[in-house]
Amino acid sequence: MKARLKWVDGVCFMGETGSGHAVVMDGAPEGGGRNLGPRPMELLLLGTAGCTSYDVISILKKSRQDVRDCWVEMEADRAEVDPKVFTRIHFHFVVVGRGLKPEVVERAISLSADKYCSASIMLGKTADITHDFEIREDA
């Protein structure tokens, strides 16, 4: 995997992934930024949610669950002093479908958290990571 990051101005950076996608990162005005894009740590949190969601959806589909939608709401705390690593991350999955079995959803989330999601397993070295979920029936 390769990526490239180029300084734009102040604390604004343009990142380009090996797959050819670009993203702007910037800091808050009080940190010298102009708020032109997400903070790098926000992207790390979103990337982790993307990694685990990828697993969960894949596992649910392989388990023949009729999943129609899924999103993850996250809350995280960071250390007060440098390095300001994540110390706590909570993932709340909302899974929408028809006839979804709670035990299958719970298993999919657990498999991602414990075995498949390299991002959350890596962050789990510094953060207490918890998960919960709710199922909503699709009308």
C-alpha atoms as a PDB file:
ATOM      1  CA  MET A   1       0.000   0.000   0.000  1.00  0.00           C
ATOM      2  CA  LYS A   2       1.281   3.430  -0.893  1.00  0.00           C
ATOM      3  CA  ALA A   3       0.044   6.956  -0.340  1.00  0.00           C
ATOM      4  CA  ARG A   4       1.312  10.498  -0.750  1.00  0.00           C
ATOM      5  CA  LEU A   5       0.740  13.563   1.387  1.00  0.00           C
ATOM      6  CA  LYS A   6       1.578  17.110   0.269  1.00  0.00           C
ATOM      7  CA  TRP A   7       1.620  20.209   2.400  1.00  0.00           C
ATOM      8  CA  VAL A   8      -0.686  22.894   0.990  1.00  0.00           C
ATOM      9  CA  ASP A   9      -0.513  25.793   3.459  1.00  0.00           C
ATOM     10  CA  GLY A  10      -0.577  26.391   7.205  1.00  0.00           C
ATOM     11  CA  VAL A  11      -1.664  22.998   8.569  1.00  0.00           C
ATOM     12  CA  CYS A  12      -3.578  21.996   5.445  1.00  0.00           C
ATOM     13  CA  PHE A  13      -2.473  18.863   3.585  1.00  0.00           C
ATOM     14  CA  MET A  14      -3.645  17.048   0.463  1.00  0.00           C
ATOM     15  CA  GLY A  15      -3.463  13.287   0.666  1.00  0.00           C
ATOM     16  CA  GLU A  16      -3.598  10.948  -2.298  1.00  0.00           C
ATOM     17  CA  THR A  17      -4.130   7.252  -1.872  1.00  0.00           C
ATOM     18  CA  GLY A  18      -2.486   4.555  -3.904  1.00  0.00           C
ATOM     19  CA  SER A  19      -5.858   3.916  -5.522  1.00  0.00           C
ATOM     20  CA  GLY A  20      -5.929   7.504  -6.809  1.00  0.00           C
ATOM     21  CA  HIS A  21      -8.355   9.171  -4.404  1.00  0.00           C
ATOM     22  CA  ALA A  22      -7.660  12.527  -2.805  1.00  0.00           C
ATOM     23  CA  VAL A  23      -8.632  14.026   0.525  1.00  0.00           C
ATOM     24  CA  VAL A  24      -7.929  17.393   2.116  1.00  0.00           C
ATOM     25  CA  MET A  25      -7.010  17.487   5.804  1.00  0.00           C
ATOM     26  CA  ASP A  26      -6.839  20.684   7.818  1.00  0.00           C
ATOM     27  CA  GLY A  27      -6.705  21.895  11.376  1.00  0.00           C
ATOM     28  CA  ALA A  28      -8.986  24.065  13.436  1.00  0.00           C
ATOM     29  CA  PRO A  29      -8.442  27.848  13.264  1.00  0.00           C
ATOM     30  CA  GLU A  30      -7.091  27.876  16.834  1.00  0.00           C
ATOM     31  CA  GLY A  31      -4.400  25.438  15.664  1.00  0.00           C
ATOM     32  CA  GLY A  32      -3.413  27.445  12.598  1.00  0.00           C
ATOM     33  CA  GLY A  33      -5.839  25.829  10.175  1.00  0.00           C
ATOM     34  CA  ARG A  34      -8.669  27.168   8.079  1.00  0.00           C
ATOM     35  CA  ASN A  35     -11.087  24.286   8.708  1.00  0.00           C
ATOM     36  CA  LEU A  36     -10.969  23.225   5.037  1.00  0.00           C
ATOM     37  CA  GLY A  37     -11.234  19.520   5.768  1.00  0.00           C
ATOM     38  CA  PRO A  38     -11.410  16.887   8.460  1.00  0.00           C
ATOM     39  CA  ARG A  39      -8.673  16.531  11.049  1.00  0.00           C
ATOM     40  CA  PRO A  40      -6.278  13.618  10.545  1.00  0.00           C
ATOM     41  CA  MET A  41      -7.501  11.910  13.725  1.00  0.00           C
ATOM     42  CA  GLU A  42     -11.110  12.232  12.541  1.00  0.00           C
ATOM     43  CA  LEU A  43     -10.109  10.429   9.367  1.00  0.00           C
ATOM     44  CA  LEU A  44      -8.465   7.709  11.438  1.00  0.00           C
ATOM     45  CA  LEU A  45     -11.721   7.240  13.353  1.00  0.00           C
ATOM     46  CA  LEU A  46     -13.789   7.220  10.148  1.00  0.00           C
ATOM     47  CA  GLY A  47     -11.387   4.813   8.499  1.00  0.00           C
ATOM     48  CA  THR A  48     -11.733   2.444  11.418  1.00  0.00           C
ATOM     49  CA  ALA A  49     -15.518   2.623  11.197  1.00  0.00           C
ATOM     50  CA  GLY A  50     -15.262   1.917   7.479  1.00  0.00           C
ATOM     51  CA  CYS A  51     -13.020  -1.075   8.103  1.00  0.00           C
ATOM     52  CA  THR A  52     -15.313  -2.660  10.682  1.00  0.00           C
ATOM     53  CA  SER A  53     -18.482  -1.843   8.720  1.00  0.00           C
ATOM     54  CA  TYR A  54     -17.012  -3.519   5.646  1.00  0.00           C
ATOM     55  CA  ASP A  55     -16.532  -6.676   7.724  1.00  0.00           C
ATOM     56  CA  VAL A  56     -19.956  -6.531   9.357  1.00  0.00           C
ATOM     57  CA  ILE A  57     -21.844  -6.079   6.081  1.00  0.00           C
ATOM     58  CA  SER A  58     -19.819  -8.821   4.411  1.00  0.00           C
ATOM     59  CA  ILE A  59     -20.432 -11.272   7.267  1.00  0.00           C
ATOM     60  CA  LEU A  60     -24.165 -10.450   7.403  1.00  0.00           C
ATOM     61  CA  LYS A  61     -24.550 -10.992   3.660  1.00  0.00           C
ATOM     62  CA  LYS A  62     -22.632 -14.288   3.825  1.00  0.00           C
ATOM     63  CA  SER A  63     -24.961 -15.269   6.682  1.00  0.00           C
ATOM     64  CA  ARG A  64     -27.908 -14.626   4.338  1.00  0.00           C
ATOM     65  CA  GLN A  65     -29.254 -11.756   6.400  1.00  0.00           C
ATOM     66  CA  ASP A  66     -31.527  -9.330   4.544  1.00  0.00           C
ATOM     67  CA  VAL A  67     -29.555  -6.213   5.493  1.00  0.00           C
ATOM     68  CA  ARG A  68     -30.760  -3.004   3.789  1.00  0.00           C
ATOM     69  CA  ASP A  69     -28.768  -0.282   5.540  1.00  0.00           C
ATOM     70  CA  CYS A  70     -26.091   0.134   8.165  1.00  0.00           C
ATOM     71  CA  TRP A  71     -24.340   3.003   9.846  1.00  0.00           C
ATOM     72  CA  VAL A  72     -22.042   3.452  12.803  1.00  0.00           C
ATOM     73  CA  GLU A  73     -22.134   6.290  15.302  1.00  0.00           C
ATOM     74  CA  MET A  74     -18.829   6.723  17.107  1.00  0.00           C
ATOM     75  CA  GLU A  75     -17.683   8.484  20.238  1.00  0.00           C
ATOM     76  CA  ALA A  76     -14.033   8.657  21.186  1.00  0.00           C
ATOM     77  CA  ASP A  77     -11.833  10.126  23.878  1.00  0.00           C
ATOM     78  CA  ARG A  78      -8.188  11.036  23.479  1.00  0.00           C
ATOM     79  CA  ALA A  79      -5.379  11.318  25.991  1.00  0.00           C
ATOM     80  CA  GLU A  80      -4.907  14.775  27.496  1.00  0.00           C
ATOM     81  CA  VAL A  81      -1.149  14.826  26.862  1.00  0.00           C
ATOM     82  CA  ASP A  82       1.005  14.015  23.845  1.00  0.00           C
ATOM     83  CA  PRO A  83       0.833  11.669  22.160  1.00  0.00           C
ATOM     84  CA  LYS A  84      -2.904  12.252  22.270  1.00  0.00           C
ATOM     85  CA  VAL A  85      -3.845   8.711  21.326  1.00  0.00           C
ATOM     86  CA  PHE A  86      -7.390   7.445  21.423  1.00  0.00           C
ATOM     87  CA  THR A  87      -8.075   6.042  24.880  1.00  0.00           C
ATOM     88  CA  ARG A  88     -11.735   5.084  24.433  1.00  0.00           C
ATOM     89  CA  ILE A  89     -13.791   4.411  21.321  1.00  0.00           C
ATOM     90  CA  HIS A  90     -17.419   3.327  21.265  1.00  0.00           C
ATOM     91  CA  PHE A  91     -19.076   2.046  18.090  1.00  0.00           C
ATOM     92  CA  HIS A  92     -22.874   2.024  17.946  1.00  0.00           C
ATOM     93  CA  PHE A  93     -24.054   0.067  14.898  1.00  0.00           C
ATOM     94  CA  VAL A  94     -27.521   0.649  13.493  1.00  0.00           C
ATOM     95  CA  VAL A  95     -28.444  -2.208  11.177  1.00  0.00           C
ATOM     96  CA  VAL A  96     -31.623  -2.027   9.099  1.00  0.00           C
ATOM     97  CA  GLY A  97     -33.146  -4.994   7.345  1.00  0.00           C
ATOM     98  CA  ARG A  98     -35.873  -7.584   7.283  1.00  0.00           C
ATOM     99  CA  GLY A  99     -35.954 -10.382   9.821  1.00  0.00           C
ATOM    100  CA  LEU A 100     -32.417  -9.741  11.036  1.00  0.00           C
ATOM    101  CA  LYS A 101     -31.354 -12.117  13.787  1.00  0.00           C
ATOM    102  CA  PRO A 102     -29.768 -10.286  16.748  1.00  0.00           C
ATOM    103  CA  GLU A 103     -27.364 -13.155  17.446  1.00  0.00           C
ATOM    104  CA  VAL A 104     -26.081 -13.027  13.853  1.00  0.00           C
ATOM    105  CA  VAL A 105     -25.590  -9.244  13.999  1.00  0.00           C
ATOM    106  CA  GLU A 106     -23.791  -9.567  17.336  1.00  0.00           C
ATOM    107  CA  ARG A 107     -21.565 -12.328  15.939  1.00  0.00           C
ATOM    108  CA  ALA A 108     -20.688 -10.246  12.861  1.00  0.00           C
ATOM    109  CA  ILE A 109     -19.656  -7.296  15.036  1.00  0.00           C
ATOM    110  CA  SER A 110     -17.646  -9.547  17.359  1.00  0.00           C
ATOM    111  CA  LEU A 111     -15.836 -11.276  14.489  1.00  0.00           C
ATOM    112  CA  SER A 112     -14.891  -7.916  13.031  1.00  0.00           C
ATOM    113  CA  ALA A 113     -13.713  -6.580  16.383  1.00  0.00           C
ATOM    114  CA  ASP A 114     -11.774  -9.664  17.444  1.00  0.00           C
ATOM    115  CA  LYS A 115     -10.488 -11.140  14.202  1.00  0.00           C
ATOM    116  CA  TYR A 116     -10.885  -9.173  10.973  1.00  0.00           C
ATOM    117  CA  CYS A 117     -10.764  -5.384  11.411  1.00  0.00           C
ATOM    118  CA  SER A 118      -7.065  -4.552  11.382  1.00  0.00           C
ATOM    119  CA  ALA A 119      -7.767  -0.873  12.100  1.00  0.00           C
ATOM    120  CA  SER A 120      -9.790  -1.423  15.278  1.00  0.00           C
ATOM    121  CA  ILE A 121      -7.489  -4.202  16.466  1.00  0.00           C
ATOM    122  CA  MET A 122      -4.533  -1.836  16.021  1.00  0.00           C
ATOM    123  CA  LEU A 123      -6.296   1.020  17.846  1.00  0.00           C
ATOM    124  CA  GLY A 124      -7.258  -1.440  20.578  1.00  0.00           C
ATOM    125  CA  LYS A 125      -3.611  -1.374  21.663  1.00  0.00           C
ATOM    126  CA  THR A 126      -4.195   2.079  23.205  1.00  0.00           C
ATOM    127  CA  ALA A 127      -7.974   2.449  23.399  1.00  0.00           C
ATOM    128  CA  ASP A 128     -10.719   0.632  25.234  1.00  0.00           C
ATOM    129  CA  ILE A 129     -13.031  -0.225  22.344  1.00  0.00           C
ATOM    130  CA  THR A 130     -16.668  -1.114  22.928  1.00  0.00           C
ATOM    131  CA  HIS A 131     -19.551  -1.923  20.608  1.00  0.00           C
ATOM    132  CA  ASP A 132     -23.293  -2.118  20.756  1.00  0.00           C
ATOM    133  CA  PHE A 133     -25.996  -2.269  18.154  1.00  0.00           C
ATOM    134  CA  GLU A 134     -29.638  -1.820  17.400  1.00  0.00           C
ATOM    135  CA  ILE A 135     -31.688  -3.467  14.722  1.00  0.00           C
ATOM    136  CA  ARG A 136     -34.380  -1.614  12.858  1.00  0.00           C
ATOM    137  CA  GLU A 137     -36.944  -3.444  10.774  1.00  0.00           C
ATOM    138  CA  ASP A 138     -37.213  -2.183   7.218  1.00  0.00           C
ATOM    139  CA  ALA A 139     -40.827  -1.490   6.298  1.00  0.00           C
END
